[in-house]
C-alpha cells in the first residue's frame, strides 16, 4: 500500500517537475526570442543612424562641390571682362599691323636687293600694295622745307651697292624718340606709293609702321 502511494507520489512529482520544466523552457524561449528581437532592433537602428550620417556627409560633400563649382564659374565670369579686354587689345594690335602683300624680309640678300630695285624702276607693279622691308635706318634733313626724310637702306650681298626705300611713318611715331639711331637695323611696312618732286619721281611707303 505504501509502495503504491510512493509510486503515485513519485509519478505526480515527475509530472510536476515536467510541467515546471516546460514552463521554464517556454519562458526562457520567450525571453530569448524577446532578447533577440531587441538586439535586432538596436542593430537596425544603429545601421539606420549610420546610413543617415553617411547620407548627411555625402550631401554636405555634394553641396561643397557645387559651391566650389559655382565659385569657379563666378570667378571665370569675373575674369571674362579682362580676357575680353585682352582680346580687344590683341585685335587692336592686329589692326595696327597691316596685311603684308610683299614681304621682302623673307627673301635672301640677293633677292631682297633685286626686289627693291624692281620697286624703284617698275613702281606701277607695286602701287597700293603693302610692302615690308628690313635694312639700315637712315635720315635726311631738308633744311629748306624743315622736313625729315626717313629711309630703309637695303644692301646687296657684296655690300658695295645699296638701294634706299623711303617711308613715312604714321602719326603714332615721333622723331627721334620712336625711331632707331641712324645706322641701326629697322623693319618697316607701309603702302607703296609715288610722288613727284621737281623733275623726279620718288617712291615711298606711306602710313608705315615700325616693327
C-alpha atoms as a PDB file:
ATOM      1  CA  UNK A   1       0.000   0.000   0.000  1.00  0.00           C
ATOM      2  CA  UNK A   2       2.797   2.323   0.946  1.00  0.00           C
ATOM      3  CA  UNK A   3       4.595   1.283  -2.245  1.00  0.00           C
ATOM      4  CA  UNK A   4       1.578   2.173  -4.304  1.00  0.00           C
ATOM      5  CA  UNK A   5       1.297   5.561  -2.597  1.00  0.00           C
ATOM      6  CA  UNK A   6       5.010   6.184  -3.006  1.00  0.00           C
ATOM      7  CA  UNK A   7       4.788   5.239  -6.640  1.00  0.00           C
ATOM      8  CA  UNK A   8       1.839   7.578  -7.147  1.00  0.00           C
ATOM      9  CA  UNK A   9       3.621  10.369  -5.326  1.00  0.00           C
ATOM     10  CA  UNK A  10       6.703   9.816  -7.438  1.00  0.00           C
ATOM     11  CA  UNK A  11       4.675   9.929 -10.658  1.00  0.00           C
ATOM     12  CA  UNK A  12       2.939  13.120  -9.509  1.00  0.00           C
ATOM     13  CA  UNK A  13       6.302  14.655  -8.630  1.00  0.00           C
ATOM     14  CA  UNK A  14       7.723  13.749 -12.033  1.00  0.00           C
ATOM     15  CA  UNK A  15       4.683  15.306 -13.737  1.00  0.00           C
ATOM     16  CA  UNK A  16       5.044  18.470 -11.662  1.00  0.00           C
ATOM     17  CA  UNK A  17       8.738  18.710 -12.454  1.00  0.00           C
ATOM     18  CA  UNK A  18       7.983  18.103 -16.139  1.00  0.00           C
ATOM     19  CA  UNK A  19       5.307  20.783 -16.180  1.00  0.00           C
ATOM     20  CA  UNK A  20       7.572  23.167 -14.303  1.00  0.00           C
ATOM     21  CA  UNK A  21      10.451  22.496 -16.700  1.00  0.00           C
ATOM     22  CA  UNK A  22       8.131  23.008 -19.622  1.00  0.00           C
ATOM     23  CA  UNK A  23       7.046  26.409 -18.316  1.00  0.00           C
ATOM     24  CA  UNK A  24      10.640  27.384 -17.587  1.00  0.00           C
ATOM     25  CA  UNK A  25      11.663  26.312 -21.067  1.00  0.00           C
ATOM     26  CA  UNK A  26       8.802  28.231 -22.575  1.00  0.00           C
ATOM     27  CA  UNK A  27       9.623  31.289 -20.542  1.00  0.00           C
ATOM     28  CA  UNK A  28      13.305  31.065 -21.349  1.00  0.00           C
ATOM     29  CA  UNK A  29      12.488  30.526 -25.004  1.00  0.00           C
ATOM     30  CA  UNK A  30      10.203  33.525 -24.937  1.00  0.00           C
ATOM     31  CA  UNK A  31      12.795  35.615 -23.156  1.00  0.00           C
ATOM     32  CA  UNK A  32      15.420  34.542 -25.692  1.00  0.00           C
ATOM     33  CA  UNK A  33      13.136  35.472 -28.535  1.00  0.00           C
ATOM     34  CA  UNK A  34      12.403  38.825 -26.942  1.00  0.00           C
ATOM     35  CA  UNK A  35      16.100  39.485 -26.342  1.00  0.00           C
ATOM     36  CA  UNK A  36      16.973  38.516 -29.889  1.00  0.00           C
ATOM     37  CA  UNK A  37      14.236  40.772 -31.226  1.00  0.00           C
ATOM     38  CA  UNK A  38      15.537  43.649 -29.101  1.00  0.00           C
ATOM     39  CA  UNK A  39      19.148  43.206 -30.323  1.00  0.00           C
ATOM     40  CA  UNK A  40      17.975  43.121 -33.925  1.00  0.00           C
ATOM     41  CA  UNK A  41      16.023  46.320 -33.378  1.00  0.00           C
ATOM     42  CA  UNK A  42      19.053  48.018 -31.820  1.00  0.00           C
ATOM     43  CA  UNK A  43      21.337  46.899 -34.645  1.00  0.00           C
ATOM     44  CA  UNK A  44      18.806  48.010 -37.238  1.00  0.00           C
ATOM     45  CA  UNK A  45      18.501  51.382 -35.543  1.00  0.00           C
ATOM     46  CA  UNK A  46      22.300  51.713 -35.425  1.00  0.00           C
ATOM     47  CA  UNK A  47      22.649  50.863 -39.123  1.00  0.00           C
ATOM     48  CA  UNK A  48      19.912  53.341 -39.991  1.00  0.00           C
ATOM     49  CA  UNK A  49      21.603  56.051 -37.927  1.00  0.00           C
ATOM     50  CA  UNK A  50      24.947  55.345 -39.595  1.00  0.00           C
ATOM     51  CA  UNK A  51      23.343  55.473 -43.035  1.00  0.00           C
ATOM     52  CA  UNK A  52      21.680  58.777 -42.160  1.00  0.00           C
ATOM     53  CA  UNK A  53      25.037  60.155 -41.012  1.00  0.00           C
ATOM     54  CA  UNK A  54      26.722  58.968 -44.216  1.00  0.00           C
ATOM     55  CA  UNK A  55      23.899  60.490 -46.271  1.00  0.00           C
ATOM     56  CA  UNK A  56      24.359  63.800 -44.425  1.00  0.00           C
ATOM     57  CA  UNK A  57      28.123  63.741 -45.060  1.00  0.00           C
ATOM     58  CA  UNK A  58      27.563  62.824 -48.722  1.00  0.00           C
ATOM     59  CA  UNK A  59      25.006  65.598 -49.070  1.00  0.00           C
ATOM     60  CA  UNK A  60      27.396  68.064 -47.411  1.00  0.00           C
ATOM     61  CA  UNK A  61      30.190  66.974 -49.781  1.00  0.00           C
ATOM     62  CA  UNK A  62      27.919  67.421 -52.790  1.00  0.00           C
ATOM     63  CA  UNK A  63      26.872  70.858 -51.556  1.00  0.00           C
ATOM     64  CA  UNK A  64      30.527  71.795 -51.039  1.00  0.00           C
ATOM     65  CA  UNK A  65      31.447  70.617 -54.554  1.00  0.00           C
ATOM     66  CA  UNK A  66      28.529  72.526 -56.052  1.00  0.00           C
ATOM     67  CA  UNK A  67      29.518  75.627 -54.082  1.00  0.00           C
ATOM     68  CA  UNK A  68      33.116  75.306 -55.312  1.00  0.00           C
ATOM     69  CA  UNK A  69      31.937  74.859 -58.908  1.00  0.00           C
ATOM     70  CA  UNK A  70      29.679  77.891 -58.529  1.00  0.00           C
ATOM     71  CA  UNK A  71      32.572  79.975 -57.216  1.00  0.00           C
ATOM     72  CA  UNK A  72      34.725  78.763 -60.109  1.00  0.00           C
ATOM     73  CA  UNK A  73      32.091  79.790 -62.641  1.00  0.00           C
ATOM     74  CA  UNK A  74      31.639  83.140 -60.922  1.00  0.00           C
ATOM     75  CA  UNK A  75      35.405  83.672 -60.949  1.00  0.00           C
ATOM     76  CA  UNK A  76      35.533  82.844 -64.645  1.00  0.00           C
ATOM     77  CA  UNK A  77      32.725  85.279 -65.291  1.00  0.00           C
ATOM     78  CA  UNK A  78      34.531  87.907 -63.232  1.00  0.00           C
ATOM     79  CA  UNK A  79      37.709  87.357 -65.233  1.00  0.00           C
ATOM     80  CA  UNK A  80      35.879  87.339 -68.558  1.00  0.00           C
ATOM     81  CA  UNK A  81      35.925  91.132 -68.988  1.00  0.00           C
ATOM     82  CA  UNK A  82      39.701  91.079 -68.505  1.00  0.00           C
ATOM     83  CA  UNK A  83      40.017  88.311 -71.067  1.00  0.00           C
ATOM     84  CA  UNK A  84      37.731  90.175 -73.434  1.00  0.00           C
ATOM     85  CA  UNK A  85      39.759  93.302 -72.843  1.00  0.00           C
ATOM     86  CA  UNK A  86      42.923  91.388 -73.641  1.00  0.00           C
ATOM     87  CA  UNK A  87      41.270  90.040 -76.785  1.00  0.00           C
ATOM     88  CA  UNK A  88      40.313  93.568 -77.807  1.00  0.00           C
ATOM     89  CA  UNK A  89      43.898  94.686 -77.277  1.00  0.00           C
ATOM     90  CA  UNK A  90      45.079  91.770 -79.410  1.00  0.00           C
ATOM     91  CA  UNK A  91      42.605  92.736 -82.125  1.00  0.00           C
ATOM     92  CA  UNK A  92      43.796  96.327 -81.910  1.00  0.00           C
ATOM     93  CA  UNK A  93      47.374  95.152 -82.245  1.00  0.00           C
ATOM     94  CA  UNK A  94      46.428  93.068 -85.265  1.00  0.00           C
ATOM     95  CA  UNK A  95      44.693  96.074 -86.845  1.00  0.00           C
ATOM     96  CA  UNK A  96      47.815  98.174 -86.315  1.00  0.00           C
ATOM     97  CA  UNK A  97      49.895  95.628 -88.223  1.00  0.00           C
ATOM     98  CA  UNK A  98      48.679  95.626 -91.838  1.00  0.00           C
ATOM     99  CA  UNK A  99      48.321  92.592 -94.023  1.00  0.00           C
ATOM    100  CA  UNK A 100      51.560  92.243 -95.994  1.00  0.00           C
ATOM    101  CA  UNK A 101      51.414  91.853 -99.776  1.00  0.00           C
ATOM    102  CA  UNK A 102      55.157  91.882-100.464  1.00  0.00           C
ATOM    103  CA  UNK A 103      57.398  90.674 -97.631  1.00  0.00           C
ATOM    104  CA  UNK A 104      60.967  91.425 -98.620  1.00  0.00           C
ATOM    105  CA  UNK A 105      62.226  90.415 -95.158  1.00  0.00           C
ATOM    106  CA  UNK A 106      61.691  86.755 -96.016  1.00  0.00           C
ATOM    107  CA  UNK A 107      63.944  86.904 -99.093  1.00  0.00           C
ATOM    108  CA  UNK A 108      67.658  86.242 -99.311  1.00  0.00           C
ATOM    109  CA  UNK A 109      70.032  89.201 -99.539  1.00  0.00           C
ATOM    110  CA  UNK A 110      70.317  88.841-103.306  1.00  0.00           C
ATOM    111  CA  UNK A 111      66.571  88.533-103.867  1.00  0.00           C
ATOM    112  CA  UNK A 112      65.773  91.341-101.405  1.00  0.00           C
ATOM    113  CA  UNK A 113      68.072  93.773-103.199  1.00  0.00           C
ATOM    114  CA  UNK A 114      66.636  92.720-106.562  1.00  0.00           C
ATOM    115  CA  UNK A 115      63.067  93.191-105.309  1.00  0.00           C
ATOM    116  CA  UNK A 116      63.818  96.702-104.037  1.00  0.00           C
ATOM    117  CA  UNK A 117      65.346  97.624-107.411  1.00  0.00           C
ATOM    118  CA  UNK A 118      62.191  96.386-109.119  1.00  0.00           C
ATOM    119  CA  UNK A 119      60.113  98.608-106.854  1.00  0.00           C
ATOM    120  CA  UNK A 120      62.194 101.639-107.830  1.00  0.00           C
ATOM    121  CA  UNK A 121      62.265 101.005-111.563  1.00  0.00           C
ATOM    122  CA  UNK A 122      58.830  99.415-112.016  1.00  0.00           C
ATOM    123  CA  UNK A 123      56.663 101.214-109.421  1.00  0.00           C
ATOM    124  CA  UNK A 124      53.387 100.535-111.212  1.00  0.00           C
ATOM    125  CA  UNK A 125      53.663  96.846-110.311  1.00  0.00           C
ATOM    126  CA  UNK A 126      53.622  97.704-106.589  1.00  0.00           C
ATOM    127  CA  UNK A 127      51.175 100.593-106.404  1.00  0.00           C
ATOM    128  CA  UNK A 128      48.785 100.220-103.436  1.00  0.00           C
ATOM    129  CA  UNK A 129      50.477  97.083-102.124  1.00  0.00           C
ATOM    130  CA  UNK A 130      51.670  96.843 -98.549  1.00  0.00           C
ATOM    131  CA  UNK A 131      55.405  96.183 -98.533  1.00  0.00           C
ATOM    132  CA  UNK A 132      57.509  95.048 -95.591  1.00  0.00           C
ATOM    133  CA  UNK A 133      61.242  95.662 -95.746  1.00  0.00           C
ATOM    134  CA  UNK A 134      64.241  95.442 -93.416  1.00  0.00           C
ATOM    135  CA  UNK A 135      67.515  97.362 -93.711  1.00  0.00           C
ATOM    136  CA  UNK A 136      69.700 100.101 -92.286  1.00  0.00           C
ATOM    137  CA  UNK A 137      67.928 103.167 -90.958  1.00  0.00           C
ATOM    138  CA  UNK A 138      68.936 106.493 -92.471  1.00  0.00           C
ATOM    139  CA  UNK A 139      67.571 110.053 -92.234  1.00  0.00           C
ATOM    140  CA  UNK A 140      67.915 113.076 -94.488  1.00  0.00           C
ATOM    141  CA  UNK A 141      67.053 116.542 -93.255  1.00  0.00           C
ATOM    142  CA  UNK A 142      65.707 119.116 -95.748  1.00  0.00           C
ATOM    143  CA  UNK A 143      66.704 122.425 -94.199  1.00  0.00           C
ATOM    144  CA  UNK A 144      64.853 124.448 -96.844  1.00  0.00           C
ATOM    145  CA  UNK A 145      61.484 122.909 -96.068  1.00  0.00           C
ATOM    146  CA  UNK A 146      62.366 121.846 -92.493  1.00  0.00           C
ATOM    147  CA  UNK A 147      61.452 118.225 -93.223  1.00  0.00           C
ATOM    148  CA  UNK A 148      62.944 114.874 -92.290  1.00  0.00           C
ATOM    149  CA  UNK A 149      63.035 112.084 -94.834  1.00  0.00           C
ATOM    150  CA  UNK A 150      63.458 108.553 -93.474  1.00  0.00           C
ATOM    151  CA  UNK A 151      64.667 105.564 -95.431  1.00  0.00           C
ATOM    152  CA  UNK A 152      65.404 101.861 -95.063  1.00  0.00           C
ATOM    153  CA  UNK A 153      68.633 101.046 -96.917  1.00  0.00           C
ATOM    154  CA  UNK A 154      68.896  97.549 -98.417  1.00  0.00           C
ATOM    155  CA  UNK A 155      72.394  96.341 -99.280  1.00  0.00           C
ATOM    156  CA  UNK A 156      73.341  93.826-101.937  1.00  0.00           C
ATOM    157  CA  UNK A 157      75.165  90.643-100.811  1.00  0.00           C
ATOM    158  CA  UNK A 158      78.597  92.107-101.554  1.00  0.00           C
ATOM    159  CA  UNK A 159      77.893  95.295 -99.596  1.00  0.00           C
ATOM    160  CA  UNK A 160      79.081  97.502-102.433  1.00  0.00           C
ATOM    161  CA  UNK A 161      75.654  98.595-103.659  1.00  0.00           C
ATOM    162  CA  UNK A 162      72.647  99.904-101.768  1.00  0.00           C
ATOM    163  CA  UNK A 163      69.108 100.930-102.567  1.00  0.00           C
ATOM    164  CA  UNK A 164      67.014 103.049-100.222  1.00  0.00           C
ATOM    165  CA  UNK A 165      63.285 102.662 -99.572  1.00  0.00           C
ATOM    166  CA  UNK A 166      61.780 105.879 -98.281  1.00  0.00           C
ATOM    167  CA  UNK A 167      58.937 105.619 -95.776  1.00  0.00           C
ATOM    168  CA  UNK A 168      56.564 107.986 -93.990  1.00  0.00           C
ATOM    169  CA  UNK A 169      55.564 106.715 -90.563  1.00  0.00           C
ATOM    170  CA  UNK A 170      52.072 107.134 -89.155  1.00  0.00           C
ATOM    171  CA  UNK A 171      51.281 109.946 -86.732  1.00  0.00           C
ATOM    172  CA  UNK A 172      51.738 107.469 -83.880  1.00  0.00           C
ATOM    173  CA  UNK A 173      55.500 107.878 -84.216  1.00  0.00           C
ATOM    174  CA  UNK A 174      57.575 110.902 -83.304  1.00  0.00           C
ATOM    175  CA  UNK A 175      61.102 111.519 -84.436  1.00  0.00           C
ATOM    176  CA  UNK A 176      63.608 110.878 -82.964  1.00  0.00           C
ATOM    177  CA  UNK A 177      62.251 109.137 -79.830  1.00  0.00           C
ATOM    178  CA  UNK A 178      60.291 106.461 -81.696  1.00  0.00           C
ATOM    179  CA  UNK A 179      62.994 105.760 -84.283  1.00  0.00           C
ATOM    180  CA  UNK A 180      66.249 103.843 -84.063  1.00  0.00           C
ATOM    181  CA  UNK A 181      69.594 105.566 -84.261  1.00  0.00           C
ATOM    182  CA  UNK A 182      70.974 106.129 -87.750  1.00  0.00           C
ATOM    183  CA  UNK A 183      72.946 103.104 -88.892  1.00  0.00           C
ATOM    184  CA  UNK A 184      70.884 100.643 -86.847  1.00  0.00           C
ATOM    185  CA  UNK A 185      68.638  97.991 -88.394  1.00  0.00           C
ATOM    186  CA  UNK A 186      64.965  98.789 -88.880  1.00  0.00           C
ATOM    187  CA  UNK A 187      61.940  96.895 -90.173  1.00  0.00           C
ATOM    188  CA  UNK A 188      59.013  98.861 -91.600  1.00  0.00           C
ATOM    189  CA  UNK A 189      55.828  98.139 -93.521  1.00  0.00           C
ATOM    190  CA  UNK A 190      53.684 100.580 -95.456  1.00  0.00           C
ATOM    191  CA  UNK A 191      51.598 101.150 -98.570  1.00  0.00           C
ATOM    192  CA  UNK A 192      53.680 101.647-101.685  1.00  0.00           C
ATOM    193  CA  UNK A 193      53.127 104.950-103.486  1.00  0.00           C
ATOM    194  CA  UNK A 194      54.962 107.523-105.633  1.00  0.00           C
ATOM    195  CA  UNK A 195      55.141 111.304-105.642  1.00  0.00           C
ATOM    196  CA  UNK A 196      56.709 113.948-107.858  1.00  0.00           C
ATOM    197  CA  UNK A 197      59.236 116.467-106.563  1.00  0.00           C
ATOM    198  CA  UNK A 198      60.558 118.740-109.300  1.00  0.00           C
ATOM    199  CA  UNK A 199      61.664 116.702-112.280  1.00  0.00           C
ATOM    200  CA  UNK A 200      61.939 113.497-110.286  1.00  0.00           C
ATOM    201  CA  UNK A 201      59.502 110.745-109.311  1.00  0.00           C
ATOM    202  CA  UNK A 202      60.125 109.195-105.917  1.00  0.00           C
ATOM    203  CA  UNK A 203      58.710 106.066-104.335  1.00  0.00           C
ATOM    204  CA  UNK A 204      57.708 105.825-100.689  1.00  0.00           C
ATOM    205  CA  UNK A 205      55.888 103.617 -98.168  1.00  0.00           C
ATOM    206  CA  UNK A 206      53.010 105.631 -96.714  1.00  0.00           C
ATOM    207  CA  UNK A 207      51.360 105.115 -93.306  1.00  0.00           C
ATOM    208  CA  UNK A 208      54.315 102.959 -92.367  1.00  0.00           C
ATOM    209  CA  UNK A 209      54.651 101.210 -89.021  1.00  0.00           C
ATOM    210  CA  UNK A 210      57.914 100.301 -87.331  1.00  0.00           C
ATOM    211  CA  UNK A 211      58.469  96.769 -86.016  1.00  0.00           C
END
